[in-house]
């Protein structure tokens, strides 16, 4: 085990300062890229949350309208709906 540690230290010192500097620069670039992507992901997540809220608002409004429509349909006698359907059928055949 001690031999491996010694050998690793020798390999690292034998690489040269140029290679170590390159690796450090690459690591710094990778960290910057990770931070950039993280910020982008946070922004997209916030945008998605806003859109989900908007969808919830629209669904609530639609549910209210459907509820009102069903109440109106229940209050109007069925023969009125049948007459309306008949009138629509005649209009469609005249066009």
N, C-alpha and C. Protein backbone atom coordinates (compact mmCIF):
# COMPACT_ATOMS: atom_id res chain seq x y z
N UNK A 1 0.82 -1.17 0.00
CA UNK A 1 0.00 0.00 0.00
C UNK A 1 0.88 1.25 0.00
N UNK A 2 1.93 1.23 0.79
CA UNK A 2 2.84 2.38 0.86
C UNK A 2 3.54 2.58 -0.47
N UNK A 3 3.81 1.49 -1.17
CA UNK A 3 4.47 1.60 -2.47
C UNK A 3 3.58 2.31 -3.49
N UNK A 4 2.29 2.01 -3.44
CA UNK A 4 1.36 2.65 -4.38
C UNK A 4 1.28 4.15 -4.13
N UNK A 5 1.22 4.54 -2.88
CA UNK A 5 1.14 5.96 -2.54
C UNK A 5 2.40 6.67 -3.00
N UNK A 6 3.56 6.07 -2.79
CA UNK A 6 4.82 6.66 -3.20
C UNK A 6 4.88 6.77 -4.72
N UNK A 7 4.43 5.72 -5.40
CA UNK A 7 4.46 5.71 -6.85
C UNK A 7 3.53 6.79 -7.42
N UNK A 8 2.37 6.99 -6.81
CA UNK A 8 1.43 8.00 -7.27
C UNK A 8 2.03 9.38 -7.11
N UNK A 9 2.70 9.63 -6.00
CA UNK A 9 3.33 10.93 -5.78
C UNK A 9 4.42 11.18 -6.82
N UNK A 10 5.20 10.16 -7.13
CA UNK A 10 6.27 10.32 -8.11
C UNK A 10 5.69 10.60 -9.49
N UNK A 11 4.57 9.91 -9.85
CA UNK A 11 3.94 10.14 -11.14
C UNK A 11 3.42 11.56 -11.24
N UNK A 12 2.83 12.06 -10.16
CA UNK A 12 2.28 13.41 -10.17
C UNK A 12 3.38 14.44 -10.30
N UNK A 13 4.50 14.23 -9.63
CA UNK A 13 5.59 15.20 -9.72
C UNK A 13 6.31 15.08 -11.06
N UNK A 14 6.27 13.93 -11.68
CA UNK A 14 6.92 13.72 -12.96
C UNK A 14 6.12 14.28 -14.13
N UNK A 15 4.86 14.56 -13.95
CA UNK A 15 4.01 15.07 -15.03
C UNK A 15 4.46 16.44 -15.51
N UNK A 16 4.86 17.24 -14.63
CA UNK A 16 5.26 18.59 -15.00
C UNK A 16 4.20 19.59 -14.62
N UNK A 17 4.65 20.78 -14.40
CA UNK A 17 3.74 21.83 -13.95
C UNK A 17 2.77 22.26 -15.05
N UNK A 18 3.15 22.11 -16.32
CA UNK A 18 2.26 22.49 -17.42
C UNK A 18 1.01 21.62 -17.44
N UNK A 19 1.21 20.33 -17.29
CA UNK A 19 0.07 19.42 -17.33
C UNK A 19 -0.84 19.64 -16.13
N UNK A 20 -0.27 19.88 -14.97
CA UNK A 20 -1.06 20.15 -13.77
C UNK A 20 -1.85 21.45 -13.96
N UNK A 21 -1.23 22.45 -14.53
CA UNK A 21 -1.91 23.72 -14.77
C UNK A 21 -3.06 23.52 -15.75
N UNK A 22 -2.86 22.74 -16.79
CA UNK A 22 -3.92 22.45 -17.76
C UNK A 22 -5.09 21.74 -17.09
N UNK A 23 -4.77 20.78 -16.24
CA UNK A 23 -5.83 20.05 -15.54
C UNK A 23 -6.61 20.98 -14.61
N UNK A 24 -5.91 21.89 -13.95
CA UNK A 24 -6.60 22.83 -13.07
C UNK A 24 -7.50 23.77 -13.87
N UNK A 25 -7.02 24.23 -15.02
CA UNK A 25 -7.84 25.09 -15.87
C UNK A 25 -9.07 24.33 -16.37
N UNK A 26 -8.87 23.08 -16.76
CA UNK A 26 -10.00 22.27 -17.22
C UNK A 26 -11.01 22.06 -16.10
N UNK A 27 -10.52 21.84 -14.91
CA UNK A 27 -11.41 21.68 -13.75
C UNK A 27 -12.18 22.96 -13.48
N UNK A 28 -11.50 24.10 -13.58
CA UNK A 28 -12.17 25.38 -13.37
C UNK A 28 -13.25 25.61 -14.44
N UNK A 29 -12.94 25.28 -15.70
CA UNK A 29 -13.94 25.42 -16.77
C UNK A 29 -15.13 24.49 -16.53
N UNK A 30 -14.83 23.29 -16.08
CA UNK A 30 -15.92 22.34 -15.80
C UNK A 30 -16.81 22.85 -14.67
N UNK A 31 -16.21 23.42 -13.65
CA UNK A 31 -17.00 23.97 -12.54
C UNK A 31 -17.86 25.13 -13.01
N UNK A 32 -17.30 26.00 -13.85
CA UNK A 32 -18.08 27.12 -14.39
C UNK A 32 -19.26 26.61 -15.22
N UNK A 33 -19.02 25.59 -16.02
CA UNK A 33 -20.08 25.01 -16.86
C UNK A 33 -21.17 24.39 -15.99
N UNK A 34 -20.78 23.73 -14.92
CA UNK A 34 -21.77 23.15 -14.01
C UNK A 34 -22.62 24.25 -13.38
N UNK A 35 -21.97 25.34 -12.97
CA UNK A 35 -22.73 26.45 -12.38
C UNK A 35 -23.67 27.08 -13.40
N UNK A 36 -23.20 27.24 -14.64
CA UNK A 36 -24.04 27.82 -15.69
C UNK A 36 -25.27 26.94 -15.95
N UNK A 37 -25.03 25.65 -16.04
CA UNK A 37 -26.13 24.73 -16.30
C UNK A 37 -27.09 24.66 -15.12
N UNK A 38 -26.54 24.75 -13.92
CA UNK A 38 -27.40 24.74 -12.73
C UNK A 38 -28.31 25.97 -12.71
N UNK A 39 -27.74 27.13 -13.03
CA UNK A 39 -28.54 28.35 -13.08
C UNK A 39 -29.61 28.26 -14.16
N UNK A 40 -29.25 27.71 -15.29
CA UNK A 40 -30.21 27.53 -16.37
C UNK A 40 -31.35 26.60 -15.94
N UNK A 41 -31.01 25.53 -15.26
CA UNK A 41 -32.01 24.59 -14.77
C UNK A 41 -32.94 25.24 -13.74
N UNK A 42 -32.37 26.05 -12.87
CA UNK A 42 -33.19 26.75 -11.88
C UNK A 42 -34.15 27.71 -12.57
N UNK A 43 -33.68 28.42 -13.59
CA UNK A 43 -34.53 29.32 -14.35
C UNK A 43 -35.67 28.59 -15.05
N UNK A 44 -35.34 27.45 -15.67
CA UNK A 44 -36.37 26.67 -16.36
C UNK A 44 -37.37 26.11 -15.37
N UNK A 45 -36.90 25.72 -14.20
CA UNK A 45 -37.80 25.19 -13.17
C UNK A 45 -38.77 26.26 -12.70
N UNK A 46 -38.28 27.49 -12.54
CA UNK A 46 -39.15 28.60 -12.15
C UNK A 46 -40.18 28.88 -13.24
N UNK A 47 -39.73 28.85 -14.49
CA UNK A 47 -40.65 29.08 -15.61
C UNK A 47 -41.72 27.99 -15.66
N UNK A 48 -41.31 26.76 -15.43
CA UNK A 48 -42.26 25.65 -15.42
C UNK A 48 -43.28 25.81 -14.30
N UNK A 49 -42.83 26.26 -13.14
CA UNK A 49 -43.75 26.49 -12.03
C UNK A 49 -44.78 27.55 -12.36
N UNK A 50 -44.34 28.61 -13.05
CA UNK A 50 -45.27 29.67 -13.46
C UNK A 50 -46.31 29.12 -14.42
N UNK A 51 -45.86 28.32 -15.38
CA UNK A 51 -46.79 27.76 -16.37
C UNK A 51 -47.77 26.79 -15.72
N UNK A 52 -47.29 26.01 -14.76
CA UNK A 52 -48.19 25.09 -14.06
C UNK A 52 -49.26 25.86 -13.29
N UNK A 53 -48.87 26.98 -12.69
CA UNK A 53 -49.84 27.81 -11.99
C UNK A 53 -50.89 28.36 -12.95
N UNK A 54 -50.45 28.77 -14.12
CA UNK A 54 -51.38 29.30 -15.13
C UNK A 54 -52.35 28.21 -15.59
N UNK A 55 -51.84 27.00 -15.80
CA UNK A 55 -52.70 25.89 -16.20
C UNK A 55 -53.75 25.61 -15.11
N UNK A 56 -53.32 25.66 -13.85
CA UNK A 56 -54.27 25.44 -12.75
C UNK A 56 -55.36 26.50 -12.74
N UNK A 57 -54.98 27.76 -13.01
CA UNK A 57 -55.98 28.83 -13.08
C UNK A 57 -56.98 28.57 -14.20
N UNK A 58 -56.48 28.20 -15.36
CA UNK A 58 -57.36 27.95 -16.51
C UNK A 58 -58.28 26.75 -16.25
N UNK A 59 -57.74 25.71 -15.62
CA UNK A 59 -58.57 24.55 -15.31
C UNK A 59 -59.67 24.91 -14.33
N UNK A 60 -59.35 25.75 -13.35
CA UNK A 60 -60.37 26.16 -12.38
C UNK A 60 -61.47 26.97 -13.07
N UNK A 61 -61.07 27.87 -13.97
CA UNK A 61 -62.05 28.65 -14.70
C UNK A 61 -62.93 27.79 -15.59
N UNK A 62 -62.31 26.81 -16.24
CA UNK A 62 -63.06 25.89 -17.10
C UNK A 62 -64.04 25.06 -16.28
N UNK A 63 -63.60 24.63 -15.12
CA UNK A 63 -64.49 23.83 -14.26
C UNK A 63 -65.71 24.66 -13.85
N UNK A 64 -65.50 25.93 -13.55
CA UNK A 64 -66.63 26.80 -13.17
C UNK A 64 -67.61 26.94 -14.34
N UNK A 65 -67.07 27.16 -15.54
CA UNK A 65 -67.94 27.31 -16.71
C UNK A 65 -68.71 26.03 -17.00
N UNK A 66 -68.06 24.89 -16.88
CA UNK A 66 -68.74 23.62 -17.10
C UNK A 66 -69.84 23.40 -16.07
N UNK A 67 -69.57 23.80 -14.85
CA UNK A 67 -70.56 23.66 -13.78
C UNK A 67 -71.77 24.55 -14.07
N UNK A 68 -71.53 25.78 -14.51
CA UNK A 68 -72.63 26.68 -14.86
C UNK A 68 -73.42 26.10 -16.03
N UNK A 69 -72.72 25.59 -17.03
CA UNK A 69 -73.40 24.99 -18.19
C UNK A 69 -74.28 23.82 -17.80
N UNK A 70 -73.79 22.98 -16.91
CA UNK A 70 -74.60 21.83 -16.49
C UNK A 70 -75.82 22.27 -15.68
N UNK A 71 -75.66 23.33 -14.90
CA UNK A 71 -76.81 23.85 -14.15
C UNK A 71 -77.88 24.40 -15.11
N UNK A 72 -77.42 25.14 -16.11
CA UNK A 72 -78.37 25.68 -17.09
C UNK A 72 -79.07 24.56 -17.84
N UNK A 73 -78.32 23.55 -18.23
CA UNK A 73 -78.90 22.43 -18.97
C UNK A 73 -79.94 21.72 -18.11
N UNK A 74 -79.69 21.64 -16.82
CA UNK A 74 -80.64 20.96 -15.93
C UNK A 74 -81.92 21.78 -15.76
N UNK A 75 -81.84 23.10 -15.87
CA UNK A 75 -83.02 23.94 -15.66
C UNK A 75 -83.88 24.08 -16.91
N UNK A 76 -83.28 23.86 -18.08
CA UNK A 76 -84.03 24.00 -19.33
C UNK A 76 -84.65 22.64 -19.65
N UNK A 77 -85.93 22.62 -19.98
CA UNK A 77 -86.59 21.34 -20.29
C UNK A 77 -85.94 20.66 -21.51
N UNK A 78 -86.02 19.35 -21.53
CA UNK A 78 -85.34 18.58 -22.58
C UNK A 78 -85.91 18.84 -23.97
N UNK A 79 -87.22 19.18 -24.05
CA UNK A 79 -87.78 19.41 -25.39
C UNK A 79 -87.15 20.63 -26.06
N UNK A 80 -86.66 21.58 -25.26
CA UNK A 80 -85.99 22.75 -25.83
C UNK A 80 -84.69 22.32 -26.50
N UNK A 81 -83.96 21.42 -25.87
CA UNK A 81 -82.70 20.94 -26.45
C UNK A 81 -82.96 20.14 -27.72
N UNK A 82 -84.05 19.38 -27.71
CA UNK A 82 -84.39 18.61 -28.91
C UNK A 82 -84.79 19.54 -30.06
N UNK A 83 -85.55 20.58 -29.74
CA UNK A 83 -85.95 21.55 -30.77
C UNK A 83 -84.72 22.28 -31.32
N UNK A 84 -83.83 22.62 -30.44
CA UNK A 84 -82.59 23.29 -30.86
C UNK A 84 -81.78 22.39 -31.79
N UNK A 85 -81.69 21.12 -31.45
CA UNK A 85 -80.95 20.18 -32.29
C UNK A 85 -81.62 20.04 -33.66
N UNK A 86 -82.96 20.03 -33.68
CA UNK A 86 -83.69 19.95 -34.94
C UNK A 86 -83.45 21.17 -35.82
N UNK A 87 -83.45 22.34 -35.21
CA UNK A 87 -83.19 23.56 -35.97
C UNK A 87 -81.77 23.58 -36.53
N UNK A 88 -80.84 23.10 -35.77
CA UNK A 88 -79.46 23.04 -36.25
C UNK A 88 -79.34 22.09 -37.43
N UNK A 89 -80.07 20.99 -37.38
CA UNK A 89 -80.04 20.02 -38.46
C UNK A 89 -80.58 20.61 -39.76
N UNK A 90 -81.63 21.38 -39.65
CA UNK A 90 -82.23 22.00 -40.85
C UNK A 90 -81.27 23.06 -41.43
N UNK A 91 -80.66 23.83 -40.55
CA UNK A 91 -79.73 24.85 -41.02
C UNK A 91 -78.54 24.22 -41.74
N UNK A 92 -78.08 23.11 -41.24
CA UNK A 92 -76.94 22.41 -41.84
C UNK A 92 -77.27 21.87 -43.23
N UNK A 93 -78.50 21.42 -43.43
CA UNK A 93 -78.87 20.87 -44.74
C UNK A 93 -79.15 21.96 -45.76
N UNK A 94 -79.49 23.18 -45.32
CA UNK A 94 -79.75 24.28 -46.24
C UNK A 94 -78.46 24.88 -46.78
N UNK A 95 -77.38 24.78 -46.05
CA UNK A 95 -76.10 25.39 -46.46
C UNK A 95 -75.51 24.75 -47.65
